[in-house]
Amino acid sequence: EVQLQASGGGLVQAGGSLRLSCAASGLSFDDYAIGWFRQVPGKVREAVACIAKDGSTYYDDSVKGRSTISSDHAKNTVPLQMNSLKPEDTAVYYCNTENIWGQGTQVTVSS
């Protein structure tokens, strides 16, 4: 069974950093594009950052310059480093590949 697990969320002061991680079992991230998404109440789920299997990346304008998506082939994980966090970054963060969604991890940024 393919499973994804997001982790690394928490409570942080504005300007702080978090490193989220997406881990997979049952598939290799080497063969798929991976995306990080977030959702807040009253809003649709939106893409934050994605990485293709060739290493090319995409960032939403809201996090561009503050976040870095990468891949750890040895660990079969996709981390998302988030720096200079803002209160508007508060959301539940999810990872996705091949329309398989992991359980989200809560990020809360205080003013």
PDB file of N, CA and C in Angstrom:
ATOM      1  N   GLU A   1       0.840  -1.178   0.000  1.00  0.00           N
ATOM      2  CA  GLU A   1       0.000   0.000   0.000  1.00  0.00           C
ATOM      3  C   GLU A   1       0.884   1.240   0.000  1.00  0.00           C
ATOM      4  N   VAL A   2       0.565   2.177  -0.868  1.00  0.00           N
ATOM      5  CA  VAL A   2       1.305   3.427  -0.948  1.00  0.00           C
ATOM      6  C   VAL A   2       0.808   4.363   0.143  1.00  0.00           C
ATOM      7  N   GLN A   3       1.738   4.908   0.903  1.00  0.00           N
ATOM      8  CA  GLN A   3       1.396   5.854   1.950  1.00  0.00           C
ATOM      9  C   GLN A   3       2.367   7.019   1.937  1.00  0.00           C
ATOM     10  N   LEU A   4       1.840   8.212   2.174  1.00  0.00           N
ATOM     11  CA  LEU A   4       2.641   9.407   2.336  1.00  0.00           C
ATOM     12  C   LEU A   4       2.441   9.946   3.738  1.00  0.00           C
ATOM     13  N   GLN A   5       3.481  10.504   4.292  1.00  0.00           N
ATOM     14  CA  GLN A   5       3.397  11.080   5.621  1.00  0.00           C
ATOM     15  C   GLN A   5       4.129  12.412   5.661  1.00  0.00           C
ATOM     16  N   ALA A   6       3.398  13.463   6.019  1.00  0.00           N
ATOM     17  CA  ALA A   6       3.983  14.779   6.196  1.00  0.00           C
ATOM     18  C   ALA A   6       4.281  15.002   7.668  1.00  0.00           C
ATOM     19  N   SER A   7       5.391  15.647   7.941  1.00  0.00           N
ATOM     20  CA  SER A   7       5.788  15.910   9.315  1.00  0.00           C
ATOM     21  C   SER A   7       6.604  17.194   9.369  1.00  0.00           C
ATOM     22  N   GLY A   8       6.887  17.642  10.570  1.00  0.00           N
ATOM     23  CA  GLY A   8       7.748  18.793  10.759  1.00  0.00           C
ATOM     24  C   GLY A   8       7.043  20.086  11.099  1.00  0.00           C
ATOM     25  N   GLY A   9       5.722  20.081  11.100  1.00  0.00           N
ATOM     26  CA  GLY A   9       4.998  21.288  11.447  1.00  0.00           C
ATOM     27  C   GLY A   9       5.108  21.608  12.921  1.00  0.00           C
ATOM     28  N   GLY A  10       4.621  22.774  13.268  1.00  0.00           N
ATOM     29  CA  GLY A  10       4.663  23.195  14.650  1.00  0.00           C
ATOM     30  C   GLY A  10       4.295  24.651  14.794  1.00  0.00           C
ATOM     31  N   LEU A  11       4.514  25.161  15.983  1.00  0.00           N
ATOM     32  CA  LEU A  11       4.257  26.558  16.305  1.00  0.00           C
ATOM     33  C   LEU A  11       5.575  27.318  16.293  1.00  0.00           C
ATOM     34  N   VAL A  12       5.604  28.414  15.548  1.00  0.00           N
ATOM     35  CA  VAL A  12       6.828  29.192  15.420  1.00  0.00           C
ATOM     36  C   VAL A  12       6.485  30.676  15.373  1.00  0.00           C
ATOM     37  N   GLN A  13       7.386  31.488  15.877  1.00  0.00           N
ATOM     38  CA  GLN A  13       7.220  32.933  15.809  1.00  0.00           C
ATOM     39  C   GLN A  13       7.474  33.431  14.394  1.00  0.00           C
ATOM     40  N   ALA A  14       6.827  34.525  14.032  1.00  0.00           N
ATOM     41  CA  ALA A  14       7.084  35.144  12.741  1.00  0.00           C
ATOM     42  C   ALA A  14       8.576  35.407  12.572  1.00  0.00           C
ATOM     43  N   GLY A  15       9.070  35.093  11.393  1.00  0.00           N
ATOM     44  CA  GLY A  15      10.487  35.222  11.119  1.00  0.00           C
ATOM     45  C   GLY A  15      11.276  33.952  11.358  1.00  0.00           C
ATOM     46  N   GLY A  16      10.654  32.971  11.975  1.00  0.00           N
ATOM     47  CA  GLY A  16      11.316  31.714  12.247  1.00  0.00           C
ATOM     48  C   GLY A  16      11.294  30.777  11.063  1.00  0.00           C
ATOM     49  N   SER A  17      11.771  29.563  11.292  1.00  0.00           N
ATOM     50  CA  SER A  17      11.901  28.574  10.228  1.00  0.00           C
ATOM     51  C   SER A  17      11.351  27.227  10.660  1.00  0.00           C
ATOM     52  N   LEU A  18      10.913  26.463   9.685  1.00  0.00           N
ATOM     53  CA  LEU A  18      10.515  25.082   9.870  1.00  0.00           C
ATOM     54  C   LEU A  18      11.001  24.269   8.678  1.00  0.00           C
ATOM     55  N   ARG A  19      11.273  23.013   8.929  1.00  0.00           N
ATOM     56  CA  ARG A  19      11.629  22.092   7.862  1.00  0.00           C
ATOM     57  C   ARG A  19      10.603  20.971   7.849  1.00  0.00           C
ATOM     58  N   LEU A  20       9.744  20.997   6.851  1.00  0.00           N
ATOM     59  CA  LEU A  20       8.756  19.956   6.674  1.00  0.00           C
ATOM     60  C   LEU A  20       9.357  18.811   5.878  1.00  0.00           C
ATOM     61  N   SER A  21       8.812  17.622   6.071  1.00  0.00           N
ATOM     62  CA  SER A  21       9.308  16.468   5.352  1.00  0.00           C
ATOM     63  C   SER A  21       8.147  15.604   4.886  1.00  0.00           C
ATOM     64  N   CYS A  22       8.238  15.125   3.665  1.00  0.00           N
ATOM     65  CA  CYS A  22       7.280  14.185   3.109  1.00  0.00           C
ATOM     66  C   CYS A  22       7.997  12.866   2.880  1.00  0.00           C
ATOM     67  N   ALA A  23       7.536  11.838   3.558  1.00  0.00           N
ATOM     68  CA  ALA A  23       8.119  10.515   3.420  1.00  0.00           C
ATOM     69  C   ALA A  23       7.126   9.575   2.756  1.00  0.00           C
ATOM     70  N   ALA A  24       7.631   8.670   1.955  1.00  0.00           N
ATOM     71  CA  ALA A  24       6.781   7.753   1.212  1.00  0.00           C
ATOM     72  C   ALA A  24       7.165   6.307   1.477  1.00  0.00           C
ATOM     73  N   SER A  25       6.162   5.467   1.471  1.00  0.00           N
ATOM     74  CA  SER A  25       6.366   4.029   1.448  1.00  0.00           C
ATOM     75  C   SER A  25       5.546   3.452   0.310  1.00  0.00           C
ATOM     76  N   GLY A  26       6.071   2.453  -0.344  1.00  0.00           N
ATOM     77  CA  GLY A  26       5.359   1.819  -1.434  1.00  0.00           C
ATOM     78  C   GLY A  26       5.644   2.389  -2.810  1.00  0.00           C
ATOM     79  N   LEU A  27       6.411   3.458  -2.881  1.00  0.00           N
ATOM     80  CA  LEU A  27       6.839   4.018  -4.153  1.00  0.00           C
ATOM     81  C   LEU A  27       8.125   4.799  -3.953  1.00  0.00           C
ATOM     82  N   SER A  28       8.797   5.019  -5.050  1.00  0.00           N
ATOM     83  CA  SER A  28      10.031   5.800  -5.024  1.00  0.00           C
ATOM     84  C   SER A  28       9.765   7.186  -5.572  1.00  0.00           C
ATOM     85  N   PHE A  29      10.161   8.206  -4.813  1.00  0.00           N
ATOM     86  CA  PHE A  29      10.019   9.578  -5.287  1.00  0.00           C
ATOM     87  C   PHE A  29      10.900   9.871  -6.488  1.00  0.00           C
ATOM     88  N   ASP A  30      11.840   8.995  -6.782  1.00  0.00           N
ATOM     89  CA  ASP A  30      12.681   9.174  -7.963  1.00  0.00           C
ATOM     90  C   ASP A  30      11.871   9.161  -9.252  1.00  0.00           C
ATOM     91  N   ASP A  31      10.692   8.559  -9.217  1.00  0.00           N
ATOM     92  CA  ASP A  31       9.920   8.322 -10.427  1.00  0.00           C
ATOM     93  C   ASP A  31       8.725   9.252 -10.592  1.00  0.00           C
ATOM     94  N   TYR A  32       8.534  10.197  -9.675  1.00  0.00           N
ATOM     95  CA  TYR A  32       7.329  11.017  -9.690  1.00  0.00           C
ATOM     96  C   TYR A  32       7.635  12.467  -9.347  1.00  0.00           C
ATOM     97  N   ALA A  33       6.735  13.337  -9.812  1.00  0.00           N
ATOM     98  CA  ALA A  33       6.735  14.707  -9.331  1.00  0.00           C
ATOM     99  C   ALA A  33       6.073  14.750  -7.959  1.00  0.00           C
ATOM    100  N   ILE A  34       6.599  15.586  -7.073  1.00  0.00           N
ATOM    101  CA  ILE A  34       6.095  15.703  -5.708  1.00  0.00           C
ATOM    102  C   ILE A  34       5.688  17.147  -5.449  1.00  0.00           C
ATOM    103  N   GLY A  35       4.558  17.315  -4.796  1.00  0.00           N
ATOM    104  CA  GLY A  35       4.099  18.656  -4.490  1.00  0.00           C
ATOM    105  C   GLY A  35       3.769  18.843  -3.026  1.00  0.00           C
ATOM    106  N   TRP A  36       4.057  20.036  -2.524  1.00  0.00           N
ATOM    107  CA  TRP A  36       3.604  20.469  -1.213  1.00  0.00           C
ATOM    108  C   TRP A  36       2.442  21.432  -1.394  1.00  0.00           C
ATOM    109  N   PHE A  37       1.389  21.232  -0.640  1.00  0.00           N
ATOM    110  CA  PHE A  37       0.179  22.045  -0.707  1.00  0.00           C
ATOM    111  C   PHE A  37      -0.191  22.499   0.699  1.00  0.00           C
ATOM    112  N   ARG A  38      -1.033  23.514   0.766  1.00  0.00           N
ATOM    113  CA  ARG A  38      -1.529  23.948   2.061  1.00  0.00           C
ATOM    114  C   ARG A  38      -2.990  24.372   1.944  1.00  0.00           C
ATOM    115  N   GLN A  39      -3.677  24.330   3.069  1.00  0.00           N
ATOM    116  CA  GLN A  39      -5.079  24.684   3.088  1.00  0.00           C
ATOM    117  C   GLN A  39      -5.425  25.341   4.417  1.00  0.00           C
ATOM    118  N   VAL A  40      -6.188  26.416   4.332  1.00  0.00           N
ATOM    119  CA  VAL A  40      -6.699  27.103   5.513  1.00  0.00           C
ATOM    120  C   VAL A  40      -8.218  27.101   5.433  1.00  0.00           C
ATOM    121  N   PRO A  41      -8.905  27.260   6.574  1.00  0.00           N
ATOM    122  CA  PRO A  41     -10.363  27.266   6.538  1.00  0.00           C
ATOM    123  C   PRO A  41     -10.915  28.328   5.597  1.00  0.00           C
ATOM    124  N   GLY A  42     -11.899  27.932   4.796  1.00  0.00           N
ATOM    125  CA  GLY A  42     -12.543  28.855   3.886  1.00  0.00           C
ATOM    126  C   GLY A  42     -11.830  29.065   2.567  1.00  0.00           C
ATOM    127  N   LYS A  43     -10.709  28.390   2.361  1.00  0.00           N
ATOM    128  CA  LYS A  43      -9.963  28.539   1.125  1.00  0.00           C
ATOM    129  C   LYS A  43      -9.695  27.168   0.512  1.00  0.00           C
ATOM    130  N   VAL A  44      -9.509  27.162  -0.801  1.00  0.00           N
ATOM    131  CA  VAL A  44      -9.180  25.920  -1.487  1.00  0.00           C
ATOM    132  C   VAL A  44      -7.726  25.555  -1.212  1.00  0.00           C
ATOM    133  N   ARG A  45      -7.439  24.282  -1.341  1.00  0.00           N
ATOM    134  CA  ARG A  45      -6.070  23.830  -1.194  1.00  0.00           C
ATOM    135  C   ARG A  45      -5.233  24.401  -2.328  1.00  0.00           C
ATOM    136  N   GLU A  46      -4.067  24.912  -2.017  1.00  0.00           N
ATOM    137  CA  GLU A  46      -3.233  25.553  -3.009  1.00  0.00           C
ATOM    138  C   GLU A  46      -1.825  24.976  -2.997  1.00  0.00           C
ATOM    139  N   ALA A  47      -1.217  24.995  -4.155  1.00  0.00           N
ATOM    140  CA  ALA A  47       0.147  24.502  -4.283  1.00  0.00           C
ATOM    141  C   ALA A  47       1.120  25.499  -3.677  1.00  0.00           C
ATOM    142  N   VAL A  48       2.094  24.990  -2.956  1.00  0.00           N
ATOM    143  CA  VAL A  48       3.149  25.796  -2.366  1.00  0.00           C
ATOM    144  C   VAL A  48       4.444  25.634  -3.150  1.00  0.00           C
ATOM    145  N   ALA A  49       4.837  24.398  -3.367  1.00  0.00           N
ATOM    146  CA  ALA A  49       6.064  24.103  -4.092  1.00  0.00           C
ATOM    147  C   ALA A  49       5.987  22.698  -4.649  1.00  0.00           C
ATOM    148  N   CYS A  50       6.605  22.491  -5.803  1.00  0.00           N
ATOM    149  CA  CYS A  50       6.633  21.179  -6.431  1.00  0.00           C
ATOM    150  C   CYS A  50       8.021  20.920  -6.983  1.00  0.00           C
ATOM    151  N   ILE A  51       8.366  19.653  -7.068  1.00  0.00           N
ATOM    152  CA  ILE A  51       9.627  19.264  -7.675  1.00  0.00           C
ATOM    153  C   ILE A  51       9.371  18.105  -8.621  1.00  0.00           C
ATOM    154  N   ALA A  52       9.863  18.238  -9.847  1.00  0.00           N
ATOM    155  CA  ALA A  52       9.729  17.192 -10.842  1.00  0.00           C
ATOM    156  C   ALA A  52      10.844  16.175 -10.681  1.00  0.00           C
ATOM    157  N   LYS A  53      10.676  15.042 -11.329  1.00  0.00           N
ATOM    158  CA  LYS A  53      11.677  13.994 -11.163  1.00  0.00           C
ATOM    159  C   LYS A  53      13.018  14.359 -11.782  1.00  0.00           C
ATOM    160  N   ASP A  54      13.030  15.353 -12.674  1.00  0.00           N
ATOM    161  CA  ASP A  54      14.291  15.822 -13.220  1.00  0.00           C
ATOM    162  C   ASP A  54      14.940  16.895 -12.350  1.00  0.00           C
ATOM    163  N   GLY A  55      14.294  17.240 -11.232  1.00  0.00           N
ATOM    164  CA  GLY A  55      14.832  18.211 -10.311  1.00  0.00           C
ATOM    165  C   GLY A  55      14.344  19.632 -10.489  1.00  0.00           C
ATOM    166  N   SER A  56      13.607  19.901 -11.548  1.00  0.00           N
ATOM    167  CA  SER A  56      13.066  21.238 -11.745  1.00  0.00           C
ATOM    168  C   SER A  56      12.037  21.537 -10.666  1.00  0.00           C
ATOM    169  N   THR A  57      11.916  22.803 -10.283  1.00  0.00           N
ATOM    170  CA  THR A  57      11.078  23.183  -9.155  1.00  0.00           C
ATOM    171  C   THR A  57      10.111  24.293  -9.519  1.00  0.00           C
ATOM    172  N   TYR A  58       9.059  24.365  -8.746  1.00  0.00           N
ATOM    173  CA  TYR A  58       8.056  25.412  -8.842  1.00  0.00           C
ATOM    174  C   TYR A  58       7.781  25.930  -7.444  1.00  0.00           C
ATOM    175  N   TYR A  59       7.598  27.246  -7.326  1.00  0.00           N
ATOM    176  CA  TYR A  59       7.222  27.862  -6.063  1.00  0.00           C
ATOM    177  C   TYR A  59       6.084  28.836  -6.287  1.00  0.00           C
ATOM    178  N   ASP A  60       5.127  28.793  -5.392  1.00  0.00           N
ATOM    179  CA  ASP A  60       4.108  29.822  -5.413  1.00  0.00           C
ATOM    180  C   ASP A  60       4.737  31.165  -5.046  1.00  0.00           C
ATOM    181  N   ASP A  61       4.206  32.227  -5.614  1.00  0.00           N
ATOM    182  CA  ASP A  61       4.772  33.545  -5.351  1.00  0.00           C
ATOM    183  C   ASP A  61       4.781  33.896  -3.863  1.00  0.00           C
ATOM    184  N   SER A  62       3.833  33.347  -3.121  1.00  0.00           N
ATOM    185  CA  SER A  62       3.727  33.672  -1.709  1.00  0.00           C
ATOM    186  C   SER A  62       4.904  33.158  -0.885  1.00  0.00           C
ATOM    187  N   VAL A  63       5.611  32.149  -1.388  1.00  0.00           N
ATOM    188  CA  VAL A  63       6.729  31.571  -0.649  1.00  0.00           C
ATOM    189  C   VAL A  63       8.041  31.661  -1.406  1.00  0.00           C
ATOM    190  N   LYS A  64       8.005  32.137  -2.622  1.00  0.00           N
ATOM    191  CA  LYS A  64       9.211  32.227  -3.433  1.00  0.00           C
ATOM    192  C   LYS A  64      10.250  33.108  -2.739  1.00  0.00           C
ATOM    193  N   GLY A  65      11.460  32.626  -2.679  1.00  0.00           N
ATOM    194  CA  GLY A  65      12.531  33.339  -2.015  1.00  0.00           C
ATOM    195  C   GLY A  65      12.651  33.029  -0.543  1.00  0.00           C
ATOM    196  N   ARG A  66      11.654  32.371   0.032  1.00  0.00           N
ATOM    197  CA  ARG A  66      11.663  32.022   1.445  1.00  0.00           C
ATOM    198  C   ARG A  66      11.678  30.512   1.673  1.00  0.00           C
ATOM    199  N   SER A  67      11.350  29.752   0.642  1.00  0.00           N
ATOM    200  CA  SER A  67      11.213  28.310   0.782  1.00  0.00           C
ATOM    201  C   SER A  67      12.051  27.584  -0.260  1.00  0.00           C
ATOM    202  N   THR A  68      12.461  26.377   0.095  1.00  0.00           N
ATOM    203  CA  THR A  68      13.239  25.547  -0.807  1.00  0.00           C
ATOM    204  C   THR A  68      12.725  24.113  -0.752  1.00  0.00           C
ATOM    205  N   ILE A  69      12.332  23.595  -1.896  1.00  0.00           N
ATOM    206  CA  ILE A  69      11.941  22.199  -2.000  1.00  0.00           C
ATOM    207  C   ILE A  69      13.113  21.422  -2.584  1.00  0.00           C
ATOM    208  N   SER A  70      13.333  20.242  -2.089  1.00  0.00           N
ATOM    209  CA  SER A  70      14.423  19.412  -2.562  1.00  0.00           C
ATOM    210  C   SER A  70      14.012  17.955  -2.463  1.00  0.00           C
ATOM    211  N   SER A  71      14.900  17.071  -2.825  1.00  0.00           N
ATOM    212  CA  SER A  71      14.635  15.648  -2.704  1.00  0.00           C
ATOM    213  C   SER A  71      15.848  14.953  -2.110  1.00  0.00           C
ATOM    214  N   ASP A  72      15.579  14.046  -1.214  1.00  0.00           N
ATOM    215  CA  ASP A  72      16.614  13.229  -0.603  1.00  0.00           C
ATOM    216  C   ASP A  72      16.404  11.808  -1.117  1.00  0.00           C
ATOM    217  N   HIS A  73      17.148  11.441  -2.137  1.00  0.00           N
ATOM    218  CA  HIS A  73      16.945  10.149  -2.774  1.00  0.00           C
ATOM    219  C   HIS A  73      17.281   8.988  -1.844  1.00  0.00           C
ATOM    220  N   ALA A  74      18.292   9.167  -1.026  1.00  0.00           N
ATOM    221  CA  ALA A  74      18.698   8.094  -0.131  1.00  0.00           C
ATOM    222  C   ALA A  74      17.614   7.773   0.887  1.00  0.00           C
ATOM    223  N   LYS A  75      16.939   8.801   1.382  1.00  0.00           N
ATOM    224  CA  LYS A  75      15.898   8.620   2.384  1.00  0.00           C
ATOM    225  C   LYS A  75      14.502   8.529   1.787  1.00  0.00           C
ATOM    226  N   ASN A  76      14.389   8.754   0.487  1.00  0.00           N
ATOM    227  CA  ASN A  76      13.093   8.763  -0.190  1.00  0.00           C
ATOM    228  C   ASN A  76      12.136   9.758   0.469  1.00  0.00           C
ATOM    229  N   THR A  77      12.644  10.960   0.697  1.00  0.00           N
ATOM    230  CA  THR A  77      11.841  12.024   1.273  1.00  0.00           C
ATOM    231  C   THR A  77      11.972  13.291   0.435  1.00  0.00           C
ATOM    232  N   VAL A  78      10.993  14.165   0.567  1.00  0.00           N
ATOM    233  CA  VAL A  78      11.004  15.471  -0.076  1.00  0.00           C
ATOM    234  C   VAL A  78      10.820  16.519   1.011  1.00  0.00           C
ATOM    235  N   PRO A  79      11.890  17.196   1.396  1.00  0.00           N
ATOM    236  CA  PRO A  79      11.767  18.243   2.414  1.00  0.00           C
ATOM    237  C   PRO A  79      11.343  19.573   1.810  1.00  0.00           C
ATOM    238  N   LEU A  80      10.700  20.363   2.632  1.00  0.00           N
ATOM    239  CA  LEU A  80      10.384  21.741   2.294  1.00  0.00           C
ATOM    240  C   LEU A  80      10.917  22.612   3.421  1.00  0.00           C
ATOM    241  N   GLN A  81      11.989  23.335   3.142  1.00  0.00           N
ATOM    242  CA  GLN A  81      12.554  24.262   4.108  1.00  0.00           C
ATOM    243  C   GLN A  81      11.833  25.590   3.982  1.00  0.00           C
ATOM    244  N   MET A  82      11.270  26.074   5.074  1.00  0.00           N
ATOM    245  CA  MET A  82      10.520  27.314   5.082  1.00  0.00           C
ATOM    246  C   MET A  82      11.176  28.284   6.053  1.00  0.00           C
ATOM    247  N   ASN A  83      11.615  29.413   5.535  1.00  0.00           N
ATOM    248  CA  ASN A  83      12.278  30.439   6.324  1.00  0.00           C
ATOM    249  C   ASN A  83      11.456  31.720   6.319  1.00  0.00           C
ATOM    250  N   SER A  84      11.809  32.620   7.217  1.00  0.00           N
ATOM    251  CA  SER A  84      11.130  33.916   7.311  1.00  0.00           C
ATOM    252  C   SER A  84       9.624  33.751   7.308  1.00  0.00           C
ATOM    253  N   LEU A  85       9.148  32.862   8.142  1.00  0.00           N
ATOM    254  CA  LEU A  85       7.732  32.526   8.146  1.00  0.00           C
ATOM    255  C   LEU A  85       6.878  33.709   8.580  1.00  0.00           C
ATOM    256  N   LYS A  86       5.710  33.799   7.967  1.00  0.00           N
ATOM    257  CA  LYS A  86       4.757  34.861   8.223  1.00  0.00           C
ATOM    258  C   LYS A  86       3.463  34.273   8.771  1.00  0.00           C
ATOM    259  N   PRO A  87       2.681  35.053   9.512  1.00  0.00           N
ATOM    260  CA  PRO A  87       1.399  34.532   9.999  1.00  0.00           C
ATOM    261  C   PRO A  87       0.510  33.994   8.887  1.00  0.00           C
ATOM    262  N   GLU A  88       0.572  34.578   7.707  1.00  0.00           N
ATOM    263  CA  GLU A  88      -0.243  34.096   6.603  1.00  0.00           C
ATOM    264  C   GLU A  88       0.212  32.742   6.055  1.00  0.00           C
ATOM    265  N   ASP A  89       1.346  32.241   6.519  1.00  0.00           N
ATOM    266  CA  ASP A  89       1.774  30.889   6.180  1.00  0.00           C
ATOM    267  C   ASP A  89       1.053  29.834   7.012  1.00  0.00           C
ATOM    268  N   THR A  90       0.320  30.254   8.020  1.00  0.00           N
ATOM    269  CA  THR A  90      -0.400  29.322   8.870  1.00  0.00           C
ATOM    270  C   THR A  90      -1.398  28.516   8.051  1.00  0.00           C
ATOM    271  N   ALA A  91      -1.295  27.208   8.122  1.00  0.00           N
ATOM    272  CA  ALA A  91      -2.148  26.310   7.345  1.00  0.00           C
ATOM    273  C   ALA A  91      -1.797  24.878   7.701  1.00  0.00           C
ATOM    274  N   VAL A  92      -2.613  23.965   7.204  1.00  0.00           N
ATOM    275  CA  VAL A  92      -2.254  22.557   7.224  1.00  0.00           C
ATOM    276  C   VAL A  92      -1.534  22.260   5.917  1.00  0.00           C
ATOM    277  N   TYR A  93      -0.357  21.697   6.013  1.00  0.00           N
ATOM    278  CA  TYR A  93       0.463  21.415   4.846  1.00  0.00           C
ATOM    279  C   TYR A  93       0.394  19.935   4.505  1.00  0.00           C
ATOM    280  N   TYR A  94       0.223  19.652   3.215  1.00  0.00           N
ATOM    281  CA  TYR A  94       0.093  18.297   2.711  1.00  0.00           C
ATOM    282  C   TYR A  94       1.113  18.060   1.608  1.00  0.00           C
ATOM    283  N   CYS A  95       1.509  16.821   1.433  1.00  0.00           N
ATOM    284  CA  CYS A  95       2.289  16.460   0.261  1.00  0.00           C
ATOM    285  C   CYS A  95       1.479  15.518  -0.612  1.00  0.00           C
ATOM    286  N   ASN A  96       1.822  15.503  -1.892  1.00  0.00           N
ATOM    287  CA  ASN A  96       1.045  14.758  -2.872  1.00  0.00           C
ATOM    288  C   ASN A  96       1.929  14.259  -3.991  1.00  0.00           C
ATOM    289  N   THR A  97       1.625  13.070  -4.451  1.00  0.00           N
ATOM    290  CA  THR A  97       2.192  12.553  -5.685  1.00  0.00           C
ATOM    291  C   THR A  97       1.194  11.578  -6.285  1.00  0.00           C
ATOM    292  N   GLU A  98       1.038  11.638  -7.595  1.00  0.00           N
ATOM    293  CA  GLU A  98       0.128  10.742  -8.308  1.00  0.00           C
ATOM    294  C   GLU A  98      -1.263  10.717  -7.674  1.00  0.00           C
ATOM    295  N   ASN A  99      -1.722  11.871  -7.240  1.00  0.00           N
ATOM    296  CA  ASN A  99      -3.028  12.050  -6.617  1.00  0.00           C
ATOM    297  C   ASN A  99      -3.189  11.249  -5.329  1.00  0.00           C
ATOM    298  N   ILE A 100      -2.099  10.962  -4.672  1.00  0.00           N
ATOM    299  CA  ILE A 100      -2.107  10.334  -3.359  1.00  0.00           C
ATOM    300  C   ILE A 100      -1.739  11.396  -2.339  1.00  0.00           C
ATOM    301  N   TRP A 101      -2.594  11.591  -1.357  1.00  0.00           N
ATOM    302  CA  TRP A 101      -2.409  12.645  -0.371  1.00  0.00           C
ATOM    303  C   TRP A 101      -1.981  12.075   0.966  1.00  0.00           C
ATOM    304  N   GLY A 102      -0.985  12.673   1.524  1.00  0.00           N
ATOM    305  CA  GLY A 102      -0.593  12.324   2.874  1.00  0.00           C
ATOM    306  C   GLY A 102      -1.420  13.082   3.893  1.00  0.00           C
ATOM    307  N   GLN A 103      -1.374  12.625   5.119  1.00  0.00           N
ATOM    308  CA  GLN A 103      -2.007  13.352   6.203  1.00  0.00           C
ATOM    309  C   GLN A 103      -1.225  14.637   6.449  1.00  0.00           C
ATOM    310  N   GLY A 104      -1.939  15.719   6.640  1.00  0.00           N
ATOM    311  CA  GLY A 104      -1.291  17.011   6.749  1.00  0.00           C
ATOM    312  C   GLY A 104      -0.597  17.229   8.079  1.00  0.00           C
ATOM    313  N   THR A 105       0.284  18.227   8.086  1.00  0.00           N
ATOM    314  CA  THR A 105       0.957  18.661   9.298  1.00  0.00           C
ATOM    315  C   THR A 105       0.670  20.146   9.499  1.00  0.00           C
ATOM    316  N   GLN A 106       0.324  20.513  10.725  1.00  0.00           N
ATOM    317  CA  GLN A 106      -0.102  21.873  11.022  1.00  0.00           C
ATOM    318  C   GLN A 106       1.096  22.795  11.203  1.00  0.00           C
ATOM    319  N   VAL A 107       1.068  23.913  10.493  1.00  0.00           N
ATOM    320  CA  VAL A 107       2.037  24.985  10.678  1.00  0.00           C
ATOM    321  C   VAL A 107       1.291  26.196  11.217  1.00  0.00           C
ATOM    322  N   THR A 108       1.722  26.697  12.352  1.00  0.00           N
ATOM    323  CA  THR A 108       1.118  27.875  12.950  1.00  0.00           C
ATOM    324  C   THR A 108       2.206  28.910  13.207  1.00  0.00           C
ATOM    325  N   VAL A 109       2.032  30.088  12.647  1.00  0.00           N
ATOM    326  CA  VAL A 109       3.009  31.164  12.782  1.00  0.00           C
ATOM    327  C   VAL A 109       2.359  32.300  13.552  1.00  0.00           C
ATOM    328  N   SER A 110       2.904  32.623  14.693  1.00  0.00           N
ATOM    329  CA  SER A 110       2.361  33.686  15.528  1.00  0.00           C
ATOM    330  C   SER A 110       2.991  35.025  15.173  1.00  0.00           C
ATOM    331  N   SER A 111       2.238  36.089  15.442  1.00  0.00           N
ATOM    332  CA  SER A 111       2.717  37.436  15.139  1.00  0.00           C
ATOM    333  C   SER A 111       3.785  37.880  16.113  1.00  0.00           C
TER     334      SER A 111
END
